[in-house]
Amino acid sequence: AASLGQIAQQLLDGQISPRQAVFSEVAEAWSQMLPDELARHCEIVDVSGGLLKVRVDSPSYMYELQLCGSQLLDELQQECPRARLTKIKFVVA
């Protein structure tokens, strides 16, 4: 019989690790796509259910990101097919 620790580790390996891998893949592609000036003002918060959630530190940078949002989404879909992204949501925080 497997111990509780072994079962928990199997769950973590099967669920958290793939999610972390997708998050890392998207974060890496995102950082390569954005100009440094924009990248300094935003941070990926979550990648799940086809949604990429990005925190932006000011409304003016959020506006800039929204202007190129569909292009960014297209590029991310090509670079990170495992993420199955369908939408990018920008939030000011």
PDB file of N, CA and C in Angstrom:
ATOM      1  N   ALA A   1       0.845  -1.191   0.000  1.00  0.00           N
ATOM      2  CA  ALA A   1       0.000   0.000   0.000  1.00  0.00           C
ATOM      3  C   ALA A   1       0.884   1.246   0.000  1.00  0.00           C
ATOM      4  N   ALA A   2       0.461   2.237  -0.746  1.00  0.00           N
ATOM      5  CA  ALA A   2       1.214   3.492  -0.838  1.00  0.00           C
ATOM      6  C   ALA A   2       0.935   4.353   0.388  1.00  0.00           C
ATOM      7  N   SER A   3       1.955   5.047   0.839  1.00  0.00           N
ATOM      8  CA  SER A   3       1.768   5.946   1.979  1.00  0.00           C
ATOM      9  C   SER A   3       1.066   7.219   1.519  1.00  0.00           C
ATOM     10  N   LEU A   4       0.533   7.943   2.476  1.00  0.00           N
ATOM     11  CA  LEU A   4      -0.123   9.210   2.172  1.00  0.00           C
ATOM     12  C   LEU A   4       0.853  10.165   1.487  1.00  0.00           C
ATOM     13  N   GLY A   5       2.095  10.170   1.940  1.00  0.00           N
ATOM     14  CA  GLY A   5       3.122  11.028   1.338  1.00  0.00           C
ATOM     15  C   GLY A   5       3.368  10.688  -0.121  1.00  0.00           C
ATOM     16  N   GLN A   6       3.408   9.381  -0.439  1.00  0.00           N
ATOM     17  CA  GLN A   6       3.616   8.956  -1.826  1.00  0.00           C
ATOM     18  C   GLN A   6       2.439   9.361  -2.706  1.00  0.00           C
ATOM     19  N   ILE A   7       1.242   9.196  -2.181  1.00  0.00           N
ATOM     20  CA  ILE A   7       0.042   9.574  -2.935  1.00  0.00           C
ATOM     21  C   ILE A   7       0.027  11.083  -3.168  1.00  0.00           C
ATOM     22  N   ALA A   8       0.347  11.846  -2.127  1.00  0.00           N
ATOM     23  CA  ALA A   8       0.391  13.306  -2.259  1.00  0.00           C
ATOM     24  C   ALA A   8       1.432  13.716  -3.294  1.00  0.00           C
ATOM     25  N   GLN A   9       2.592  13.064  -3.295  1.00  0.00           N
ATOM     26  CA  GLN A   9       3.641  13.399  -4.257  1.00  0.00           C
ATOM     27  C   GLN A   9       3.188  13.093  -5.682  1.00  0.00           C
ATOM     28  N   GLN A  10       2.488  11.971  -5.860  1.00  0.00           N
ATOM     29  CA  GLN A  10       1.977  11.627  -7.186  1.00  0.00           C
ATOM     30  C   GLN A  10       0.983  12.678  -7.668  1.00  0.00           C
ATOM     31  N   LEU A  11       0.133  13.143  -6.767  1.00  0.00           N
ATOM     32  CA  LEU A  11      -0.819  14.192  -7.125  1.00  0.00           C
ATOM     33  C   LEU A  11      -0.092  15.467  -7.520  1.00  0.00           C
ATOM     34  N   LEU A  12       0.900  15.838  -6.732  1.00  0.00           N
ATOM     35  CA  LEU A  12       1.664  17.050  -7.029  1.00  0.00           C
ATOM     36  C   LEU A  12       2.393  16.924  -8.357  1.00  0.00           C
ATOM     37  N   ASP A  13       3.024  15.792  -8.593  1.00  0.00           N
ATOM     38  CA  ASP A  13       3.749  15.579  -9.843  1.00  0.00           C
ATOM     39  C   ASP A  13       2.804  15.639 -11.036  1.00  0.00           C
ATOM     40  N   GLY A  14       1.613  15.084 -10.868  1.00  0.00           N
ATOM     41  CA  GLY A  14       0.667  15.009 -11.972  1.00  0.00           C
ATOM     42  C   GLY A  14      -0.105  16.275 -12.234  1.00  0.00           C
ATOM     43  N   GLN A  15      -0.279  17.131 -11.232  1.00  0.00           N
ATOM     44  CA  GLN A  15      -1.132  18.299 -11.412  1.00  0.00           C
ATOM     45  C   GLN A  15      -0.370  19.612 -11.352  1.00  0.00           C
ATOM     46  N   ILE A  16       0.485  19.771 -10.380  1.00  0.00           N
ATOM     47  CA  ILE A  16       1.155  21.052 -10.209  1.00  0.00           C
ATOM     48  C   ILE A  16       2.301  21.216 -11.200  1.00  0.00           C
ATOM     49  N   SER A  17       3.097  20.184 -11.382  1.00  0.00           N
ATOM     50  CA  SER A  17       4.255  20.307 -12.259  1.00  0.00           C
ATOM     51  C   SER A  17       3.888  20.683 -13.696  1.00  0.00           C
ATOM     52  N   PRO A  18       2.901  20.035 -14.329  1.00  0.00           N
ATOM     53  CA  PRO A  18       2.541  20.464 -15.685  1.00  0.00           C
ATOM     54  C   PRO A  18       2.045  21.913 -15.724  1.00  0.00           C
ATOM     55  N   ARG A  19       1.309  22.321 -14.700  1.00  0.00           N
ATOM     56  CA  ARG A  19       0.819  23.702 -14.661  1.00  0.00           C
ATOM     57  C   ARG A  19       1.988  24.674 -14.526  1.00  0.00           C
ATOM     58  N   GLN A  20       2.951  24.335 -13.678  1.00  0.00           N
ATOM     59  CA  GLN A  20       4.130  25.184 -13.526  1.00  0.00           C
ATOM     60  C   GLN A  20       4.918  25.237 -14.826  1.00  0.00           C
ATOM     61  N   ALA A  21       5.006  24.113 -15.525  1.00  0.00           N
ATOM     62  CA  ALA A  21       5.738  24.071 -16.790  1.00  0.00           C
ATOM     63  C   ALA A  21       5.086  24.986 -17.817  1.00  0.00           C
ATOM     64  N   VAL A  22       3.764  24.950 -17.902  1.00  0.00           N
ATOM     65  CA  VAL A  22       3.041  25.817 -18.835  1.00  0.00           C
ATOM     66  C   VAL A  22       3.227  27.276 -18.439  1.00  0.00           C
ATOM     67  N   PHE A  23       3.114  27.573 -17.145  1.00  0.00           N
ATOM     68  CA  PHE A  23       3.296  28.942 -16.661  1.00  0.00           C
ATOM     69  C   PHE A  23       4.684  29.449 -17.039  1.00  0.00           C
ATOM     70  N   SER A  24       5.701  28.635 -16.795  1.00  0.00           N
ATOM     71  CA  SER A  24       7.078  29.032 -17.110  1.00  0.00           C
ATOM     72  C   SER A  24       7.267  29.250 -18.602  1.00  0.00           C
ATOM     73  N   GLU A  25       6.677  28.378 -19.397  1.00  0.00           N
ATOM     74  CA  GLU A  25       6.770  28.481 -20.856  1.00  0.00           C
ATOM     75  C   GLU A  25       6.151  29.795 -21.333  1.00  0.00           C
ATOM     76  N   VAL A  26       4.968  30.107 -20.826  1.00  0.00           N
ATOM     77  CA  VAL A  26       4.280  31.345 -21.209  1.00  0.00           C
ATOM     78  C   VAL A  26       5.062  32.560 -20.718  1.00  0.00           C
ATOM     79  N   ALA A  27       5.537  32.517 -19.476  1.00  0.00           N
ATOM     80  CA  ALA A  27       6.290  33.646 -18.915  1.00  0.00           C
ATOM     81  C   ALA A  27       7.558  33.917 -19.720  1.00  0.00           C
ATOM     82  N   GLU A  28       8.236  32.868 -20.138  1.00  0.00           N
ATOM     83  CA  GLU A  28       9.462  33.022 -20.934  1.00  0.00           C
ATOM     84  C   GLU A  28       9.144  33.653 -22.292  1.00  0.00           C
ATOM     85  N   ALA A  29       8.120  33.133 -22.967  1.00  0.00           N
ATOM     86  CA  ALA A  29       7.733  33.682 -24.272  1.00  0.00           C
ATOM     87  C   ALA A  29       7.294  35.137 -24.134  1.00  0.00           C
ATOM     88  N   TRP A  30       6.525  35.426 -23.090  1.00  0.00           N
ATOM     89  CA  TRP A  30       6.036  36.787 -22.827  1.00  0.00           C
ATOM     90  C   TRP A  30       7.206  37.752 -22.669  1.00  0.00           C
ATOM     91  N   SER A  31       8.188  37.361 -21.881  1.00  0.00           N
ATOM     92  CA  SER A  31       9.325  38.251 -21.620  1.00  0.00           C
ATOM     93  C   SER A  31      10.141  38.505 -22.887  1.00  0.00           C
ATOM     94  N   GLN A  32      10.164  37.549 -23.796  1.00  0.00           N
ATOM     95  CA  GLN A  32      10.898  37.730 -25.045  1.00  0.00           C
ATOM     96  C   GLN A  32      10.129  38.595 -26.043  1.00  0.00           C
ATOM     97  N   MET A  33       8.810  38.584 -25.964  1.00  0.00           N
ATOM     98  CA  MET A  33       7.980  39.339 -26.909  1.00  0.00           C
ATOM     99  C   MET A  33       7.926  40.826 -26.608  1.00  0.00           C
ATOM    100  N   LEU A  34       7.871  41.149 -25.323  1.00  0.00           N
ATOM    101  CA  LEU A  34       7.648  42.542 -24.931  1.00  0.00           C
ATOM    102  C   LEU A  34       8.932  43.357 -24.931  1.00  0.00           C
ATOM    103  N   PRO A  35       8.831  44.616 -25.342  1.00  0.00           N
ATOM    104  CA  PRO A  35       9.976  45.516 -25.160  1.00  0.00           C
ATOM    105  C   PRO A  35      10.245  45.669 -23.656  1.00  0.00           C
ATOM    106  N   ASP A  36      11.500  45.886 -23.292  1.00  0.00           N
ATOM    107  CA  ASP A  36      11.872  45.991 -21.875  1.00  0.00           C
ATOM    108  C   ASP A  36      11.031  47.016 -21.127  1.00  0.00           C
ATOM    109  N   GLU A  37      10.759  48.139 -21.766  1.00  0.00           N
ATOM    110  CA  GLU A  37       9.992  49.210 -21.115  1.00  0.00           C
ATOM    111  C   GLU A  37       8.616  48.707 -20.671  1.00  0.00           C
ATOM    112  N   LEU A  38       7.936  47.975 -21.533  1.00  0.00           N
ATOM    113  CA  LEU A  38       6.620  47.423 -21.176  1.00  0.00           C
ATOM    114  C   LEU A  38       6.760  46.289 -20.160  1.00  0.00           C
ATOM    115  N   ALA A  39       7.744  45.443 -20.354  1.00  0.00           N
ATOM    116  CA  ALA A  39       7.923  44.283 -19.472  1.00  0.00           C
ATOM    117  C   ALA A  39       8.139  44.695 -18.018  1.00  0.00           C
ATOM    118  N   ARG A  40       8.781  45.828 -17.812  1.00  0.00           N
ATOM    119  CA  ARG A  40       9.037  46.290 -16.437  1.00  0.00           C
ATOM    120  C   ARG A  40       7.758  46.696 -15.708  1.00  0.00           C
ATOM    121  N   HIS A  41       6.691  46.921 -16.448  1.00  0.00           N
ATOM    122  CA  HIS A  41       5.458  47.433 -15.851  1.00  0.00           C
ATOM    123  C   HIS A  41       4.329  46.407 -15.795  1.00  0.00           C
ATOM    124  N   CYS A  42       4.639  45.147 -16.089  1.00  0.00           N
ATOM    125  CA  CYS A  42       3.594  44.127 -16.012  1.00  0.00           C
ATOM    126  C   CYS A  42       4.174  42.809 -15.526  1.00  0.00           C
ATOM    127  N   GLU A  43       3.268  41.957 -15.049  1.00  0.00           N
ATOM    128  CA  GLU A  43       3.662  40.669 -14.484  1.00  0.00           C
ATOM    129  C   GLU A  43       2.550  39.660 -14.731  1.00  0.00           C
ATOM    130  N   ILE A  44       2.922  38.485 -15.180  1.00  0.00           N
ATOM    131  CA  ILE A  44       1.937  37.421 -15.355  1.00  0.00           C
ATOM    132  C   ILE A  44       1.524  36.927 -13.972  1.00  0.00           C
ATOM    133  N   VAL A  45       0.210  36.892 -13.757  1.00  0.00           N
ATOM    134  CA  VAL A  45      -0.331  36.477 -12.468  1.00  0.00           C
ATOM    135  C   VAL A  45      -0.808  35.029 -12.517  1.00  0.00           C
ATOM    136  N   ASP A  46      -1.438  34.643 -13.623  1.00  0.00           N
ATOM    137  CA  ASP A  46      -2.006  33.297 -13.699  1.00  0.00           C
ATOM    138  C   ASP A  46      -2.170  32.872 -15.151  1.00  0.00           C
ATOM    139  N   VAL A  47      -2.070  31.575 -15.367  1.00  0.00           N
ATOM    140  CA  VAL A  47      -2.359  30.960 -16.660  1.00  0.00           C
ATOM    141  C   VAL A  47      -3.226  29.752 -16.354  1.00  0.00           C
ATOM    142  N   SER A  48      -4.510  29.839 -16.677  1.00  0.00           N
ATOM    143  CA  SER A  48      -5.387  28.687 -16.444  1.00  0.00           C
ATOM    144  C   SER A  48      -6.668  28.831 -17.247  1.00  0.00           C
ATOM    145  N   GLY A  49      -7.209  27.701 -17.642  1.00  0.00           N
ATOM    146  CA  GLY A  49      -8.466  27.685 -18.371  1.00  0.00           C
ATOM    147  C   GLY A  49      -8.450  28.513 -19.642  1.00  0.00           C
ATOM    148  N   GLY A  50      -7.302  28.598 -20.290  1.00  0.00           N
ATOM    149  CA  GLY A  50      -7.190  29.364 -21.526  1.00  0.00           C
ATOM    150  C   GLY A  50      -7.013  30.854 -21.322  1.00  0.00           C
ATOM    151  N   LEU A  51      -6.981  31.288 -20.073  1.00  0.00           N
ATOM    152  CA  LEU A  51      -6.872  32.715 -19.757  1.00  0.00           C
ATOM    153  C   LEU A  51      -5.485  33.039 -19.216  1.00  0.00           C
ATOM    154  N   LEU A  52      -4.884  34.059 -19.793  1.00  0.00           N
ATOM    155  CA  LEU A  52      -3.626  34.604 -19.280  1.00  0.00           C
ATOM    156  C   LEU A  52      -3.972  35.896 -18.566  1.00  0.00           C
ATOM    157  N   LYS A  53      -3.703  35.943 -17.268  1.00  0.00           N
ATOM    158  CA  LYS A  53      -4.007  37.132 -16.469  1.00  0.00           C
ATOM    159  C   LYS A  53      -2.705  37.881 -16.205  1.00  0.00           C
ATOM    160  N   VAL A  54      -2.696  39.172 -16.578  1.00  0.00           N
ATOM    161  CA  VAL A  54      -1.496  39.993 -16.466  1.00  0.00           C
ATOM    162  C   VAL A  54      -1.794  41.219 -15.615  1.00  0.00           C
ATOM    163  N   ARG A  55      -0.982  41.415 -14.575  1.00  0.00           N
ATOM    164  CA  ARG A  55      -1.097  42.590 -13.710  1.00  0.00           C
ATOM    165  C   ARG A  55      -0.224  43.697 -14.311  1.00  0.00           C
ATOM    166  N   VAL A  56      -0.805  44.894 -14.419  1.00  0.00           N
ATOM    167  CA  VAL A  56      -0.098  46.042 -14.988  1.00  0.00           C
ATOM    168  C   VAL A  56      -0.088  47.142 -13.933  1.00  0.00           C
ATOM    169  N   ASP A  57       1.027  47.884 -13.839  1.00  0.00           N
ATOM    170  CA  ASP A  57       1.145  48.850 -12.743  1.00  0.00           C
ATOM    171  C   ASP A  57       0.547  50.228 -13.017  1.00  0.00           C
ATOM    172  N   SER A  58       0.076  50.481 -14.236  1.00  0.00           N
ATOM    173  CA  SER A  58      -0.575  51.771 -14.486  1.00  0.00           C
ATOM    174  C   SER A  58      -1.531  51.662 -15.669  1.00  0.00           C
ATOM    175  N   PRO A  59      -2.577  52.491 -15.667  1.00  0.00           N
ATOM    176  CA  PRO A  59      -3.547  52.463 -16.762  1.00  0.00           C
ATOM    177  C   PRO A  59      -2.919  52.759 -18.127  1.00  0.00           C
ATOM    178  N   SER A  60      -1.912  53.621 -18.178  1.00  0.00           N
ATOM    179  CA  SER A  60      -1.314  53.956 -19.476  1.00  0.00           C
ATOM    180  C   SER A  60      -0.606  52.742 -20.088  1.00  0.00           C
ATOM    181  N   TYR A  61       0.079  51.953 -19.265  1.00  0.00           N
ATOM    182  CA  TYR A  61       0.722  50.743 -19.789  1.00  0.00           C
ATOM    183  C   TYR A  61      -0.316  49.673 -20.119  1.00  0.00           C
ATOM    184  N   MET A  62      -1.394  49.631 -19.352  1.00  0.00           N
ATOM    185  CA  MET A  62      -2.456  48.690 -19.660  1.00  0.00           C
ATOM    186  C   MET A  62      -3.051  49.011 -21.031  1.00  0.00           C
ATOM    187  N   TYR A  63      -3.239  50.280 -21.311  1.00  0.00           N
ATOM    188  CA  TYR A  63      -3.773  50.701 -22.604  1.00  0.00           C
ATOM    189  C   TYR A  63      -2.845  50.247 -23.736  1.00  0.00           C
ATOM    190  N   GLU A  64      -1.547  50.461 -23.561  1.00  0.00           N
ATOM    191  CA  GLU A  64      -0.573  50.032 -24.575  1.00  0.00           C
ATOM    192  C   GLU A  64      -0.652  48.530 -24.813  1.00  0.00           C
ATOM    193  N   LEU A  65      -0.737  47.769 -23.730  1.00  0.00           N
ATOM    194  CA  LEU A  65      -0.816  46.314 -23.856  1.00  0.00           C
ATOM    195  C   LEU A  65      -2.116  45.880 -24.532  1.00  0.00           C
ATOM    196  N   GLN A  66      -3.209  46.566 -24.209  1.00  0.00           N
ATOM    197  CA  GLN A  66      -4.490  46.220 -24.825  1.00  0.00           C
ATOM    198  C   GLN A  66      -4.466  46.474 -26.330  1.00  0.00           C
ATOM    199  N   LEU A  67      -3.755  47.524 -26.743  1.00  0.00           N
ATOM    200  CA  LEU A  67      -3.662  47.826 -28.173  1.00  0.00           C
ATOM    201  C   LEU A  67      -3.008  46.688 -28.953  1.00  0.00           C
ATOM    202  N   CYS A  68      -2.045  46.041 -28.351  1.00  0.00           N
ATOM    203  CA  CYS A  68      -1.349  44.947 -29.051  1.00  0.00           C
ATOM    204  C   CYS A  68      -1.747  43.576 -28.495  1.00  0.00           C
ATOM    205  N   GLY A  69      -2.824  43.527 -27.719  1.00  0.00           N
ATOM    206  CA  GLY A  69      -3.257  42.285 -27.073  1.00  0.00           C
ATOM    207  C   GLY A  69      -3.534  41.139 -28.020  1.00  0.00           C
ATOM    208  N   SER A  70      -4.219  41.397 -29.136  1.00  0.00           N
ATOM    209  CA  SER A  70      -4.545  40.295 -30.048  1.00  0.00           C
ATOM    210  C   SER A  70      -3.289  39.766 -30.737  1.00  0.00           C
ATOM    211  N   GLN A  71      -2.355  40.653 -31.033  1.00  0.00           N
ATOM    212  CA  GLN A  71      -1.086  40.221 -31.626  1.00  0.00           C
ATOM    213  C   GLN A  71      -0.282  39.389 -30.617  1.00  0.00           C
ATOM    214  N   LEU A  72      -0.262  39.845 -29.365  1.00  0.00           N
ATOM    215  CA  LEU A  72       0.430  39.087 -28.314  1.00  0.00           C
ATOM    216  C   LEU A  72      -0.199  37.703 -28.140  1.00  0.00           C
ATOM    217  N   LEU A  73      -1.525  37.660 -28.145  1.00  0.00           N
ATOM    218  CA  LEU A  73      -2.226  36.383 -27.996  1.00  0.00           C
ATOM    219  C   LEU A  73      -1.879  35.445 -29.150  1.00  0.00           C
ATOM    220  N   ASP A  74      -1.889  35.971 -30.383  1.00  0.00           N
ATOM    221  CA  ASP A  74      -1.541  35.148 -31.548  1.00  0.00           C
ATOM    222  C   ASP A  74      -0.138  34.561 -31.405  1.00  0.00           C
ATOM    223  N   GLU A  75       0.814  35.398 -31.007  1.00  0.00           N
ATOM    224  CA  GLU A  75       2.197  34.935 -30.854  1.00  0.00           C
ATOM    225  C   GLU A  75       2.314  33.896 -29.739  1.00  0.00           C
ATOM    226  N   LEU A  76       1.627  34.143 -28.624  1.00  0.00           N
ATOM    227  CA  LEU A  76       1.675  33.184 -27.515  1.00  0.00           C
ATOM    228  C   LEU A  76       1.040  31.850 -27.908  1.00  0.00           C
ATOM    229  N   GLN A  77      -0.035  31.903 -28.680  1.00  0.00           N
ATOM    230  CA  GLN A  77      -0.684  30.668 -29.119  1.00  0.00           C
ATOM    231  C   GLN A  77       0.262  29.841 -29.988  1.00  0.00           C
ATOM    232  N   GLN A  78       1.076  30.522 -30.790  1.00  0.00           N
ATOM    233  CA  GLN A  78       2.042  29.813 -31.635  1.00  0.00           C
ATOM    234  C   GLN A  78       3.211  29.281 -30.815  1.00  0.00           C
ATOM    235  N   GLU A  79       3.709  30.097 -29.891  1.00  0.00           N
ATOM    236  CA  GLU A  79       4.888  29.731 -29.100  1.00  0.00           C
ATOM    237  C   GLU A  79       4.578  28.724 -27.987  1.00  0.00           C
ATOM    238  N   CYS A  80       3.371  28.779 -27.452  1.00  0.00           N
ATOM    239  CA  CYS A  80       3.010  27.963 -26.279  1.00  0.00           C
ATOM    240  C   CYS A  80       1.691  27.224 -26.507  1.00  0.00           C
ATOM    241  N   PRO A  81       1.658  26.299 -27.455  1.00  0.00           N
ATOM    242  CA  PRO A  81       0.387  25.622 -27.747  1.00  0.00           C
ATOM    243  C   PRO A  81      -0.180  24.842 -26.559  1.00  0.00           C
ATOM    244  N   ARG A  82       0.697  24.347 -25.671  1.00  0.00           N
ATOM    245  CA  ARG A  82       0.210  23.577 -24.505  1.00  0.00           C
ATOM    246  C   ARG A  82      -0.643  24.421 -23.571  1.00  0.00           C
ATOM    247  N   ALA A  83      -0.447  25.736 -23.580  1.00  0.00           N
ATOM    248  CA  ALA A  83      -1.208  26.614 -22.689  1.00  0.00           C
ATOM    249  C   ALA A  83      -2.657  26.767 -23.148  1.00  0.00           C
ATOM    250  N   ARG A  84      -2.918  26.507 -24.424  1.00  0.00           N
ATOM    251  CA  ARG A  84      -4.277  26.620 -24.996  1.00  0.00           C
ATOM    252  C   ARG A  84      -4.922  27.970 -24.670  1.00  0.00           C
ATOM    253  N   LEU A  85      -4.157  29.032 -24.843  1.00  0.00           N
ATOM    254  CA  LEU A  85      -4.658  30.367 -24.508  1.00  0.00           C
ATOM    255  C   LEU A  85      -5.727  30.821 -25.489  1.00  0.00           C
ATOM    256  N   THR A  86      -6.782  31.434 -24.944  1.00  0.00           N
ATOM    257  CA  THR A  86      -7.845  31.993 -25.776  1.00  0.00           C
ATOM    258  C   THR A  86      -8.067  33.475 -25.488  1.00  0.00           C
ATOM    259  N   LYS A  87      -7.506  33.960 -24.371  1.00  0.00           N
ATOM    260  CA  LYS A  87      -7.758  35.346 -23.975  1.00  0.00           C
ATOM    261  C   LYS A  87      -6.652  35.843 -23.048  1.00  0.00           C
ATOM    262  N   ILE A  88      -6.356  37.148 -23.166  1.00  0.00           N
ATOM    263  CA  ILE A  88      -5.457  37.802 -22.219  1.00  0.00           C
ATOM    264  C   ILE A  88      -6.276  38.844 -21.473  1.00  0.00           C
ATOM    265  N   LYS A  89      -6.201  38.805 -20.162  1.00  0.00           N
ATOM    266  CA  LYS A  89      -6.913  39.785 -19.333  1.00  0.00           C
ATOM    267  C   LYS A  89      -5.875  40.635 -18.607  1.00  0.00           C
ATOM    268  N   PHE A  90      -5.957  41.956 -18.814  1.00  0.00           N
ATOM    269  CA  PHE A  90      -5.049  42.889 -18.157  1.00  0.00           C
ATOM    270  C   PHE A  90      -5.782  43.545 -16.996  1.00  0.00           C
ATOM    271  N   VAL A  91      -5.133  43.598 -15.834  1.00  0.00           N
ATOM    272  CA  VAL A  91      -5.722  44.249 -14.663  1.00  0.00           C
ATOM    273  C   VAL A  91      -4.710  45.221 -14.070  1.00  0.00           C
ATOM    274  N   VAL A  92      -5.196  46.396 -13.679  1.00  0.00           N
ATOM    275  CA  VAL A  92      -4.322  47.375 -13.036  1.00  0.00           C
ATOM    276  C   VAL A  92      -4.280  47.065 -11.549  1.00  0.00           C
ATOM    277  N   ALA A  93      -3.083  46.967 -11.013  1.00  0.00           N
ATOM    278  CA  ALA A  93      -2.945  46.669  -9.582  1.00  0.00           C
ATOM    279  C   ALA A  93      -1.718  47.367  -9.031  1.00  0.00           C
TER     280      ALA A  93
END
